[in-house]
Amino acid sequence: MKHTLSCAAAILSFTISTSGWTACLEPGASRVQLQVLGSGGPRASGGRASASYLVWIDGIGRILVDAGGGTKDPFHQTGANFDDIDLVALSHLHPDHSAELPALLWPDGGRTRVSGPTAGDVFPSIEQFLNSLFGSGGAFEILAPRVELETITVDVTNAEPIEIYREGDVLVRGVGVPHGSVPTIGYRVDVGGSSIAFASDQNGSNPSFAELAKDVDILVVHFGGPENSTGMIAALHAKPSVWGQMGATANARQVLVSHLNIPSAEELETRLGFLRENYTGLVTVAEDLMCLDVR
């Protein structure tokens, strides 16, 4: 069941259960679809799982972007199979973006590629992170003989996007984005003429990502901070007006607002107002298990 909400309707959806939104593919659906597995943030999120998104291609869930806490059950509810995943693209190693990976691999394990950032500050590189989980002496060493993970490390200091994965007409690229001192990657997925950009958590100050996201069908942004944010929050998260400016600069056809732990529908509406002052395209507020055609 597909649901695309206008900006006004999305406000109401903030308090509506979406437990029935599990089927992504329907007759007549587009070849590429984006399914939200987790639309919540790091704090209490009204029952939402943390950040995670599944890209369906020709009826198969093939690309998983982030694996935040609580996303295992939504993943299985979609009917997707981890054996079909070609790439797990982790934006950064905060728990609300990466903590569910062991649960997704338990108990059967799996074989896939995992991309992630270089090390920085207190954060390990993606290779060190995976080794600490599944390597010798790792927290989940029990999975070591059951998983085969190819690691793709993205240098977040590189100003230019790099190619992460390509097969047929599927292309995934990534570039480092500013999220305080946290090494973080923004991704773009192209499948033929369809495209999705995942901004992840960032403060929006680096124009490289907006350039990467140019002319995308869907730009996924994370509402981590209010318009009047200052200090550490402002260094970590873009203000709603900045997200609107990015959507306009990128000429995105649609902006999907996610990563929500906003205290009220009124506050959500206020933040959306700042975004809409700067972006005139379609705005959709994410809900767990929501499915969007990518055209």
C-alpha atoms as a PDB file:
ATOM      1  CA  MET A   1       0.000   0.000   0.000  1.00  0.00           C
ATOM      2  CA  LYS A   2       1.535   3.276  -1.098  1.00  0.00           C
ATOM      3  CA  HIS A   3       1.038   6.564   0.758  1.00  0.00           C
ATOM      4  CA  THR A   4       2.300   9.951  -0.396  1.00  0.00           C
ATOM      5  CA  LEU A   5       1.225  12.824   1.832  1.00  0.00           C
ATOM      6  CA  SER A   6       1.043  16.496   1.068  1.00  0.00           C
ATOM      7  CA  CYS A   7       2.636  18.892   3.543  1.00  0.00           C
ATOM      8  CA  ALA A   8      -0.697  19.665   5.215  1.00  0.00           C
ATOM      9  CA  ALA A   9      -1.832  16.056   5.410  1.00  0.00           C
ATOM     10  CA  ALA A  10       1.523  14.994   6.771  1.00  0.00           C
ATOM     11  CA  ILE A  11       0.946  17.026   9.937  1.00  0.00           C
ATOM     12  CA  LEU A  12      -2.024  14.870  10.800  1.00  0.00           C
ATOM     13  CA  SER A  13      -0.100  11.685  10.103  1.00  0.00           C
ATOM     14  CA  PHE A  14       2.239  12.484  12.985  1.00  0.00           C
ATOM     15  CA  THR A  15      -0.134  10.773  15.412  1.00  0.00           C
ATOM     16  CA  ILE A  16      -1.673   8.134  13.136  1.00  0.00           C
ATOM     17  CA  SER A  17      -0.610   4.499  13.367  1.00  0.00           C
ATOM     18  CA  THR A  18       0.703   3.040  10.111  1.00  0.00           C
ATOM     19  CA  SER A  19       0.992  -0.587  11.191  1.00  0.00           C
ATOM     20  CA  GLY A  20      -0.774  -1.740   8.015  1.00  0.00           C
ATOM     21  CA  TRP A  21       1.714  -0.123   5.625  1.00  0.00           C
ATOM     22  CA  THR A  22       3.763  -3.201   4.835  1.00  0.00           C
ATOM     23  CA  ALA A  23       3.331  -4.003   1.144  1.00  0.00           C
ATOM     24  CA  CYS A  24       5.637  -1.984  -1.079  1.00  0.00           C
ATOM     25  CA  LEU A  25       4.974  -3.495  -4.475  1.00  0.00           C
ATOM     26  CA  GLU A  26       1.569  -3.311  -6.107  1.00  0.00           C
ATOM     27  CA  PRO A  27       0.385  -3.832  -9.675  1.00  0.00           C
ATOM     28  CA  GLY A  28       1.387  -0.804 -11.718  1.00  0.00           C
ATOM     29  CA  ALA A  29       3.996   0.349  -9.213  1.00  0.00           C
ATOM     30  CA  SER A  30       7.184   1.937 -10.440  1.00  0.00           C
ATOM     31  CA  ARG A  31      10.297  -0.135 -10.953  1.00  0.00           C
ATOM     32  CA  VAL A  32      12.061   1.572  -8.021  1.00  0.00           C
ATOM     33  CA  GLN A  33      10.502   2.151  -4.618  1.00  0.00           C
ATOM     34  CA  LEU A  34      11.718   3.588  -1.340  1.00  0.00           C
ATOM     35  CA  GLN A  35      10.447   2.055   1.879  1.00  0.00           C
ATOM     36  CA  VAL A  36      10.959   3.667   5.272  1.00  0.00           C
ATOM     37  CA  LEU A  37      11.920   1.103   7.906  1.00  0.00           C
ATOM     38  CA  GLY A  38      12.641   3.643  10.629  1.00  0.00           C
ATOM     39  CA  SER A  39      11.716   7.328  10.724  1.00  0.00           C
ATOM     40  CA  GLY A  40      12.554   8.117  14.362  1.00  0.00           C
ATOM     41  CA  GLY A  41      15.457   9.863  16.012  1.00  0.00           C
ATOM     42  CA  PRO A  42      17.771   9.043  18.906  1.00  0.00           C
ATOM     43  CA  ARG A  43      15.263  10.032  21.611  1.00  0.00           C
ATOM     44  CA  ALA A  44      11.661   8.969  22.236  1.00  0.00           C
ATOM     45  CA  SER A  45      10.026   8.959  18.817  1.00  0.00           C
ATOM     46  CA  GLY A  46       6.411   7.957  19.360  1.00  0.00           C
ATOM     47  CA  GLY A  47       6.971   4.294  18.521  1.00  0.00           C
ATOM     48  CA  ARG A  48       9.066   4.949  15.429  1.00  0.00           C
ATOM     49  CA  ALA A  49      12.183   2.851  14.846  1.00  0.00           C
ATOM     50  CA  SER A  50      15.476   4.664  14.303  1.00  0.00           C
ATOM     51  CA  ALA A  51      16.767   5.601  10.871  1.00  0.00           C
ATOM     52  CA  SER A  52      16.697   2.974   8.128  1.00  0.00           C
ATOM     53  CA  TYR A  53      15.541   2.848   4.501  1.00  0.00           C
ATOM     54  CA  LEU A  54      15.129   0.055   1.954  1.00  0.00           C
ATOM     55  CA  VAL A  55      15.417   0.566  -1.803  1.00  0.00           C
ATOM     56  CA  TRP A  56      13.357  -1.912  -3.826  1.00  0.00           C
ATOM     57  CA  ILE A  57      14.403  -2.591  -7.417  1.00  0.00           C
ATOM     58  CA  ASP A  58      12.259  -4.782  -9.683  1.00  0.00           C
ATOM     59  CA  GLY A  59      10.444  -6.235  -6.680  1.00  0.00           C
ATOM     60  CA  ILE A  60      13.560  -7.057  -4.661  1.00  0.00           C
ATOM     61  CA  GLY A  61      14.867  -5.165  -1.636  1.00  0.00           C
ATOM     62  CA  ARG A  62      18.486  -4.597  -2.676  1.00  0.00           C
ATOM     63  CA  ILE A  63      19.937  -1.558  -0.905  1.00  0.00           C
ATOM     64  CA  LEU A  64      19.638  -0.877   2.821  1.00  0.00           C
ATOM     65  CA  VAL A  65      20.592   2.630   3.949  1.00  0.00           C
ATOM     66  CA  ASP A  66      21.325   2.753   7.696  1.00  0.00           C
ATOM     67  CA  ALA A  67      20.266   0.171  10.270  1.00  0.00           C
ATOM     68  CA  GLY A  68      19.170   2.061  13.358  1.00  0.00           C
ATOM     69  CA  GLY A  69      17.768   0.475  16.495  1.00  0.00           C
ATOM     70  CA  GLY A  70      14.397  -1.217  16.132  1.00  0.00           C
ATOM     71  CA  THR A  71      14.497  -1.712  12.363  1.00  0.00           C
ATOM     72  CA  LYS A  72      14.784  -5.529  12.301  1.00  0.00           C
ATOM     73  CA  ASP A  73      11.062  -6.115  12.683  1.00  0.00           C
ATOM     74  CA  PRO A  74      10.032  -3.571  10.030  1.00  0.00           C
ATOM     75  CA  PHE A  75      12.589  -5.120   7.678  1.00  0.00           C
ATOM     76  CA  HIS A  76      10.982  -8.539   8.075  1.00  0.00           C
ATOM     77  CA  GLN A  77       7.469  -7.084   7.836  1.00  0.00           C
ATOM     78  CA  THR A  78       8.261  -5.793   4.361  1.00  0.00           C
ATOM     79  CA  GLY A  79       8.910  -9.324   3.117  1.00  0.00           C
ATOM     80  CA  ALA A  80      12.467  -8.440   2.156  1.00  0.00           C
ATOM     81  CA  ASN A  81      15.225 -11.045   2.384  1.00  0.00           C
ATOM     82  CA  PHE A  82      18.685 -10.096   3.658  1.00  0.00           C
ATOM     83  CA  ASP A  83      20.225 -12.521   1.157  1.00  0.00           C
ATOM     84  CA  ASP A  84      19.036 -10.142  -1.585  1.00  0.00           C
ATOM     85  CA  ILE A  85      20.769  -7.084  -0.101  1.00  0.00           C
ATOM     86  CA  ASP A  86      23.595  -5.935  -2.376  1.00  0.00           C
ATOM     87  CA  LEU A  87      24.732  -3.088  -0.143  1.00  0.00           C
ATOM     88  CA  VAL A  88      24.256  -1.916   3.425  1.00  0.00           C
ATOM     89  CA  ALA A  89      25.138   1.782   3.275  1.00  0.00           C
ATOM     90  CA  LEU A  90      25.793   3.104   6.786  1.00  0.00           C
ATOM     91  CA  SER A  91      25.911   6.888   6.963  1.00  0.00           C
ATOM     92  CA  HIS A  92      27.692   7.016  10.330  1.00  0.00           C
ATOM     93  CA  LEU A  93      28.198   4.983  13.468  1.00  0.00           C
ATOM     94  CA  HIS A  94      25.838   6.581  15.951  1.00  0.00           C
ATOM     95  CA  PRO A  95      23.644   3.779  17.387  1.00  0.00           C
ATOM     96  CA  ASP A  96      20.447   5.217  15.898  1.00  0.00           C
ATOM     97  CA  HIS A  97      21.951   4.558  12.446  1.00  0.00           C
ATOM     98  CA  SER A  98      23.944   1.350  12.919  1.00  0.00           C
ATOM     99  CA  ALA A  99      22.996  -0.612  16.063  1.00  0.00           C
ATOM    100  CA  GLU A 100      20.580  -3.042  14.402  1.00  0.00           C
ATOM    101  CA  LEU A 101      23.058  -4.615  12.000  1.00  0.00           C
ATOM    102  CA  PRO A 102      23.851  -7.598  14.290  1.00  0.00           C
ATOM    103  CA  ALA A 103      20.133  -8.246  14.809  1.00  0.00           C
ATOM    104  CA  LEU A 104      19.515  -8.207  11.055  1.00  0.00           C
ATOM    105  CA  LEU A 105      22.268 -10.783  10.586  1.00  0.00           C
ATOM    106  CA  TRP A 106      21.162 -13.033  13.472  1.00  0.00           C
ATOM    107  CA  PRO A 107      20.770 -16.015  13.397  1.00  0.00           C
ATOM    108  CA  ASP A 108      21.501 -16.979   9.794  1.00  0.00           C
ATOM    109  CA  GLY A 109      24.162 -14.451   8.897  1.00  0.00           C
ATOM    110  CA  GLY A 110      24.537 -13.218   5.358  1.00  0.00           C
ATOM    111  CA  ARG A 111      26.807 -12.111   2.565  1.00  0.00           C
ATOM    112  CA  THR A 112      26.826  -8.503   1.390  1.00  0.00           C
ATOM    113  CA  ARG A 113      28.804  -5.295   1.095  1.00  0.00           C
ATOM    114  CA  VAL A 114      28.839  -2.743   3.906  1.00  0.00           C
ATOM    115  CA  SER A 115      29.949   0.828   3.239  1.00  0.00           C
ATOM    116  CA  GLY A 116      30.763   3.348   5.910  1.00  0.00           C
ATOM    117  CA  PRO A 117      33.068   6.191   6.908  1.00  0.00           C
ATOM    118  CA  THR A 118      36.720   6.510   7.748  1.00  0.00           C
ATOM    119  CA  ALA A 119      37.666   6.904  11.420  1.00  0.00           C
ATOM    120  CA  GLY A 120      37.553  10.218  13.262  1.00  0.00           C
ATOM    121  CA  ASP A 121      37.442  11.563  16.808  1.00  0.00           C
ATOM    122  CA  VAL A 122      36.079   8.728  19.016  1.00  0.00           C
ATOM    123  CA  PHE A 123      34.617   6.857  16.042  1.00  0.00           C
ATOM    124  CA  PRO A 124      36.273   3.813  14.427  1.00  0.00           C
ATOM    125  CA  SER A 125      36.473   3.254  10.702  1.00  0.00           C
ATOM    126  CA  ILE A 126      33.773   1.041   9.212  1.00  0.00           C
ATOM    127  CA  GLU A 127      36.324  -1.788   8.977  1.00  0.00           C
ATOM    128  CA  GLN A 128      37.215  -1.449  12.667  1.00  0.00           C
ATOM    129  CA  PHE A 129      33.528  -1.224  13.570  1.00  0.00           C
ATOM    130  CA  LEU A 130      32.624  -4.455  11.764  1.00  0.00           C
ATOM    131  CA  ASN A 131      35.651  -6.243  13.185  1.00  0.00           C
ATOM    132  CA  SER A 132      34.667  -5.194  16.714  1.00  0.00           C
ATOM    133  CA  LEU A 133      31.271  -6.785  16.122  1.00  0.00           C
ATOM    134  CA  PHE A 134      32.017  -9.910  14.103  1.00  0.00           C
ATOM    135  CA  GLY A 135      35.794 -10.427  14.193  1.00  0.00           C
ATOM    136  CA  SER A 136      37.875 -12.563  16.507  1.00  0.00           C
ATOM    137  CA  GLY A 137      37.067 -11.468  20.041  1.00  0.00           C
ATOM    138  CA  GLY A 138      34.238  -9.257  18.778  1.00  0.00           C
ATOM    139  CA  ALA A 139      30.978  -8.653  20.598  1.00  0.00           C
ATOM    140  CA  PHE A 140      29.107 -11.003  18.243  1.00  0.00           C
ATOM    141  CA  GLU A 141      31.888 -13.414  17.341  1.00  0.00           C
ATOM    142  CA  ILE A 142      29.249 -16.139  17.277  1.00  0.00           C
ATOM    143  CA  LEU A 143      28.244 -14.698  13.884  1.00  0.00           C
ATOM    144  CA  ALA A 144      31.796 -14.707  12.501  1.00  0.00           C
ATOM    145  CA  PRO A 145      31.506 -18.020  10.612  1.00  0.00           C
ATOM    146  CA  ARG A 146      28.058 -17.060   9.315  1.00  0.00           C
ATOM    147  CA  VAL A 147      28.751 -13.664   7.771  1.00  0.00           C
ATOM    148  CA  GLU A 148      30.779 -12.618   4.765  1.00  0.00           C
ATOM    149  CA  LEU A 149      30.972  -8.845   4.607  1.00  0.00           C
ATOM    150  CA  GLU A 150      32.896  -6.895   2.004  1.00  0.00           C
ATOM    151  CA  THR A 151      33.897  -3.555   3.508  1.00  0.00           C
ATOM    152  CA  ILE A 152      33.829  -0.352   1.469  1.00  0.00           C
ATOM    153  CA  THR A 153      35.419   2.594   3.257  1.00  0.00           C
ATOM    154  CA  VAL A 154      34.424   6.110   2.197  1.00  0.00           C
ATOM    155  CA  ASP A 155      36.971   8.825   2.934  1.00  0.00           C
ATOM    156  CA  VAL A 156      34.790  11.569   4.407  1.00  0.00           C
ATOM    157  CA  THR A 157      37.550  14.148   3.904  1.00  0.00           C
ATOM    158  CA  ASN A 158      37.353  13.768   0.122  1.00  0.00           C
ATOM    159  CA  ALA A 159      35.517  16.761  -1.357  1.00  0.00           C
ATOM    160  CA  GLU A 160      34.308  14.784  -4.372  1.00  0.00           C
ATOM    161  CA  PRO A 161      31.729  11.961  -4.317  1.00  0.00           C
ATOM    162  CA  ILE A 162      33.071   8.469  -4.855  1.00  0.00           C
ATOM    163  CA  GLU A 163      31.498   5.473  -6.543  1.00  0.00           C
ATOM    164  CA  ILE A 164      30.607   2.842  -3.954  1.00  0.00           C
ATOM    165  CA  TYR A 165      28.625   0.274  -5.894  1.00  0.00           C
ATOM    166  CA  ARG A 166      27.699  -0.290  -9.526  1.00  0.00           C
ATOM    167  CA  GLU A 167      25.862  -3.155 -11.171  1.00  0.00           C
ATOM    168  CA  GLY A 168      23.926  -2.822 -14.399  1.00  0.00           C
ATOM    169  CA  ASP A 169      22.053   0.481 -14.210  1.00  0.00           C
ATOM    170  CA  VAL A 170      22.337   0.668 -10.397  1.00  0.00           C
ATOM    171  CA  LEU A 171      24.863   3.217  -9.110  1.00  0.00           C
ATOM    172  CA  VAL A 172      25.523   4.256  -5.504  1.00  0.00           C
ATOM    173  CA  ARG A 173      27.779   7.206  -4.688  1.00  0.00           C
ATOM    174  CA  GLY A 174      28.704   8.867  -1.415  1.00  0.00           C
ATOM    175  CA  VAL A 175      30.395  11.972  -0.060  1.00  0.00           C
ATOM    176  CA  GLY A 176      31.365  13.156   3.396  1.00  0.00           C
ATOM    177  CA  VAL A 177      28.879  15.541   5.033  1.00  0.00           C
ATOM    178  CA  PRO A 178      29.381  17.814   8.088  1.00  0.00           C
ATOM    179  CA  HIS A 179      27.864  16.329  11.262  1.00  0.00           C
ATOM    180  CA  GLY A 180      29.944  17.957  13.970  1.00  0.00           C
ATOM    181  CA  SER A 181      33.015  15.783  14.540  1.00  0.00           C
ATOM    182  CA  VAL A 182      31.181  12.604  13.508  1.00  0.00           C
ATOM    183  CA  PRO A 183      32.480  11.059  10.245  1.00  0.00           C
ATOM    184  CA  THR A 184      29.317  10.889   8.133  1.00  0.00           C
ATOM    185  CA  ILE A 185      28.359  10.042   4.560  1.00  0.00           C
ATOM    186  CA  GLY A 186      25.511  11.310   2.400  1.00  0.00           C
ATOM    187  CA  TYR A 187      24.459   8.862  -0.319  1.00  0.00           C
ATOM    188  CA  ARG A 188      22.861   8.971  -3.743  1.00  0.00           C
ATOM    189  CA  VAL A 189      21.265   5.922  -5.373  1.00  0.00           C
ATOM    190  CA  ASP A 190      20.530   5.958  -9.111  1.00  0.00           C
ATOM    191  CA  VAL A 191      18.617   3.192 -10.848  1.00  0.00           C
ATOM    192  CA  GLY A 192      18.204   3.962 -14.521  1.00  0.00           C
ATOM    193  CA  GLY A 193      16.357   7.271 -14.589  1.00  0.00           C
ATOM    194  CA  SER A 194      15.217   7.098 -10.942  1.00  0.00           C
ATOM    195  CA  SER A 195      17.179   8.608  -8.071  1.00  0.00           C
ATOM    196  CA  ILE A 196      17.166   9.021  -4.278  1.00  0.00           C
ATOM    197  CA  ALA A 197      19.550  11.074  -2.130  1.00  0.00           C
ATOM    198  CA  PHE A 198      19.988  10.362   1.579  1.00  0.00           C
ATOM    199  CA  ALA A 199      21.282  13.438   3.397  1.00  0.00           C
ATOM    200  CA  SER A 200      21.653  11.668   6.745  1.00  0.00           C
ATOM    201  CA  ASP A 201      22.509  13.789   9.780  1.00  0.00           C
ATOM    202  CA  GLN A 202      24.394  16.923   8.706  1.00  0.00           C
ATOM    203  CA  ASN A 203      24.369  20.663   9.247  1.00  0.00           C
ATOM    204  CA  GLY A 204      24.007  21.468   5.563  1.00  0.00           C
ATOM    205  CA  SER A 205      27.073  23.694   5.309  1.00  0.00           C
ATOM    206  CA  ASN A 206      28.932  21.732   2.619  1.00  0.00           C
ATOM    207  CA  PRO A 207      27.584  22.375  -0.915  1.00  0.00           C
ATOM    208  CA  SER A 208      29.097  19.120  -2.209  1.00  0.00           C
ATOM    209  CA  PHE A 209      26.120  17.095  -1.059  1.00  0.00           C
ATOM    210  CA  ALA A 210      23.554  19.395  -2.673  1.00  0.00           C
ATOM    211  CA  GLU A 211      25.525  19.015  -5.896  1.00  0.00           C
ATOM    212  CA  LEU A 212      25.492  15.217  -5.494  1.00  0.00           C
ATOM    213  CA  ALA A 213      21.723  15.384  -4.945  1.00  0.00           C
ATOM    214  CA  LYS A 214      21.099  17.482  -8.070  1.00  0.00           C
ATOM    215  CA  ASP A 215      17.763  16.712  -9.769  1.00  0.00           C
ATOM    216  CA  VAL A 216      16.929  13.702  -7.572  1.00  0.00           C
ATOM    217  CA  ASP A 217      13.401  12.341  -7.440  1.00  0.00           C
ATOM    218  CA  ILE A 218      13.448  12.058  -3.621  1.00  0.00           C
ATOM    219  CA  LEU A 219      15.723  13.839  -1.151  1.00  0.00           C
ATOM    220  CA  VAL A 220      15.585  12.281   2.331  1.00  0.00           C
ATOM    221  CA  VAL A 221      16.396  14.807   5.071  1.00  0.00           C
ATOM    222  CA  HIS A 222      16.654  14.433   8.839  1.00  0.00           C
ATOM    223  CA  PHE A 223      14.792  16.920  11.040  1.00  0.00           C
ATOM    224  CA  GLY A 224      17.263  16.806  13.908  1.00  0.00           C
ATOM    225  CA  GLY A 225      17.155  20.434  15.005  1.00  0.00           C
ATOM    226  CA  PRO A 226      14.714  23.341  15.322  1.00  0.00           C
ATOM    227  CA  GLU A 227      15.040  26.627  13.466  1.00  0.00           C
ATOM    228  CA  ASN A 228      16.428  28.417  16.528  1.00  0.00           C
ATOM    229  CA  SER A 229      19.092  25.806  17.314  1.00  0.00           C
ATOM    230  CA  THR A 230      22.520  26.968  18.455  1.00  0.00           C
ATOM    231  CA  GLY A 231      25.779  25.451  19.721  1.00  0.00           C
ATOM    232  CA  MET A 232      26.270  21.709  19.407  1.00  0.00           C
ATOM    233  CA  ILE A 233      22.825  21.023  17.899  1.00  0.00           C
ATOM    234  CA  ALA A 234      23.424  23.583  15.158  1.00  0.00           C
ATOM    235  CA  ALA A 235      26.846  22.039  14.455  1.00  0.00           C
ATOM    236  CA  LEU A 236      25.264  18.608  14.122  1.00  0.00           C
ATOM    237  CA  HIS A 237      21.930  19.229  12.412  1.00  0.00           C
ATOM    238  CA  ALA A 238      20.676  21.525   9.661  1.00  0.00           C
ATOM    239  CA  LYS A 239      17.877  23.923  10.481  1.00  0.00           C
ATOM    240  CA  PRO A 240      14.573  23.327   8.649  1.00  0.00           C
ATOM    241  CA  SER A 241      15.141  26.416   6.488  1.00  0.00           C
ATOM    242  CA  VAL A 242      18.525  25.011   5.440  1.00  0.00           C
ATOM    243  CA  TRP A 243      16.896  21.745   4.399  1.00  0.00           C
ATOM    244  CA  GLY A 244      14.471  23.768   2.306  1.00  0.00           C
ATOM    245  CA  GLN A 245      17.322  25.667   0.693  1.00  0.00           C
ATOM    246  CA  MET A 246      19.102  22.391  -0.047  1.00  0.00           C
ATOM    247  CA  GLY A 247      15.985  20.923  -1.641  1.00  0.00           C
ATOM    248  CA  ALA A 248      15.654  24.004  -3.823  1.00  0.00           C
ATOM    249  CA  THR A 249      19.351  24.086  -4.761  1.00  0.00           C
ATOM    250  CA  ALA A 250      19.272  20.389  -5.636  1.00  0.00           C
ATOM    251  CA  ASN A 251      16.030  20.860  -7.586  1.00  0.00           C
ATOM    252  CA  ALA A 252      14.670  17.772  -5.818  1.00  0.00           C
ATOM    253  CA  ARG A 253      11.255  16.668  -7.024  1.00  0.00           C
ATOM    254  CA  GLN A 254      10.223  15.638  -3.510  1.00  0.00           C
ATOM    255  CA  VAL A 255      11.630  16.058   0.002  1.00  0.00           C
ATOM    256  CA  LEU A 256      10.999  13.268   2.503  1.00  0.00           C
ATOM    257  CA  VAL A 257      11.281  14.522   6.091  1.00  0.00           C
ATOM    258  CA  SER A 258      12.445  11.820   8.519  1.00  0.00           C
ATOM    259  CA  HIS A 259      14.457  11.152  11.707  1.00  0.00           C
ATOM    260  CA  LEU A 260      11.718  12.598  13.887  1.00  0.00           C
ATOM    261  CA  ASN A 261      11.700  12.900  17.657  1.00  0.00           C
ATOM    262  CA  ILE A 262       9.783  16.167  17.650  1.00  0.00           C
ATOM    263  CA  PRO A 263       7.738  16.732  20.828  1.00  0.00           C
ATOM    264  CA  SER A 264       4.438  17.716  19.198  1.00  0.00           C
ATOM    265  CA  ALA A 265       2.532  18.011  15.947  1.00  0.00           C
ATOM    266  CA  GLU A 266       2.583  21.780  16.435  1.00  0.00           C
ATOM    267  CA  GLU A 267       6.385  21.847  16.537  1.00  0.00           C
ATOM    268  CA  LEU A 268       6.542  19.630  13.459  1.00  0.00           C
ATOM    269  CA  GLU A 269       4.224  22.031  11.645  1.00  0.00           C
ATOM    270  CA  THR A 270       6.416  24.978  12.665  1.00  0.00           C
ATOM    271  CA  ARG A 271       9.545  23.299  11.327  1.00  0.00           C
ATOM    272  CA  LEU A 272       7.808  22.318   8.107  1.00  0.00           C
ATOM    273  CA  GLY A 273       6.776  25.952   7.673  1.00  0.00           C
ATOM    274  CA  PHE A 274      10.421  27.064   7.642  1.00  0.00           C
ATOM    275  CA  LEU A 275      11.252  24.338   5.127  1.00  0.00           C
ATOM    276  CA  ARG A 276       8.351  25.326   2.864  1.00  0.00           C
ATOM    277  CA  GLU A 277       9.425  28.977   2.883  1.00  0.00           C
ATOM    278  CA  ASN A 278      12.521  27.860   0.991  1.00  0.00           C
ATOM    279  CA  TYR A 279      11.306  24.868  -1.042  1.00  0.00           C
ATOM    280  CA  THR A 280       8.187  24.777  -3.216  1.00  0.00           C
ATOM    281  CA  GLY A 281       8.159  21.110  -4.226  1.00  0.00           C
ATOM    282  CA  LEU A 282       6.309  18.173  -2.689  1.00  0.00           C
ATOM    283  CA  VAL A 283       7.035  17.566   1.013  1.00  0.00           C
ATOM    284  CA  THR A 284       6.257  14.214   2.625  1.00  0.00           C
ATOM    285  CA  VAL A 285       6.634  13.314   6.293  1.00  0.00           C
ATOM    286  CA  ALA A 286       8.006   9.809   6.773  1.00  0.00           C
ATOM    287  CA  GLU A 287       6.226   7.053   8.689  1.00  0.00           C
ATOM    288  CA  ASP A 288       7.622   3.601   9.425  1.00  0.00           C
ATOM    289  CA  LEU A 289       6.804   1.167   6.591  1.00  0.00           C
ATOM    290  CA  MET A 290       5.677   3.966   4.270  1.00  0.00           C
ATOM    291  CA  CYS A 291       6.423   3.167   0.637  1.00  0.00           C
ATOM    292  CA  LEU A 292       7.064   5.739  -2.085  1.00  0.00           C
ATOM    293  CA  ASP A 293       7.316   5.211  -5.817  1.00  0.00           C
ATOM    294  CA  VAL A 294      10.469   6.705  -7.284  1.00  0.00           C
ATOM    295  CA  ARG A 295       9.682   8.098 -10.714  1.00  0.00           C
END
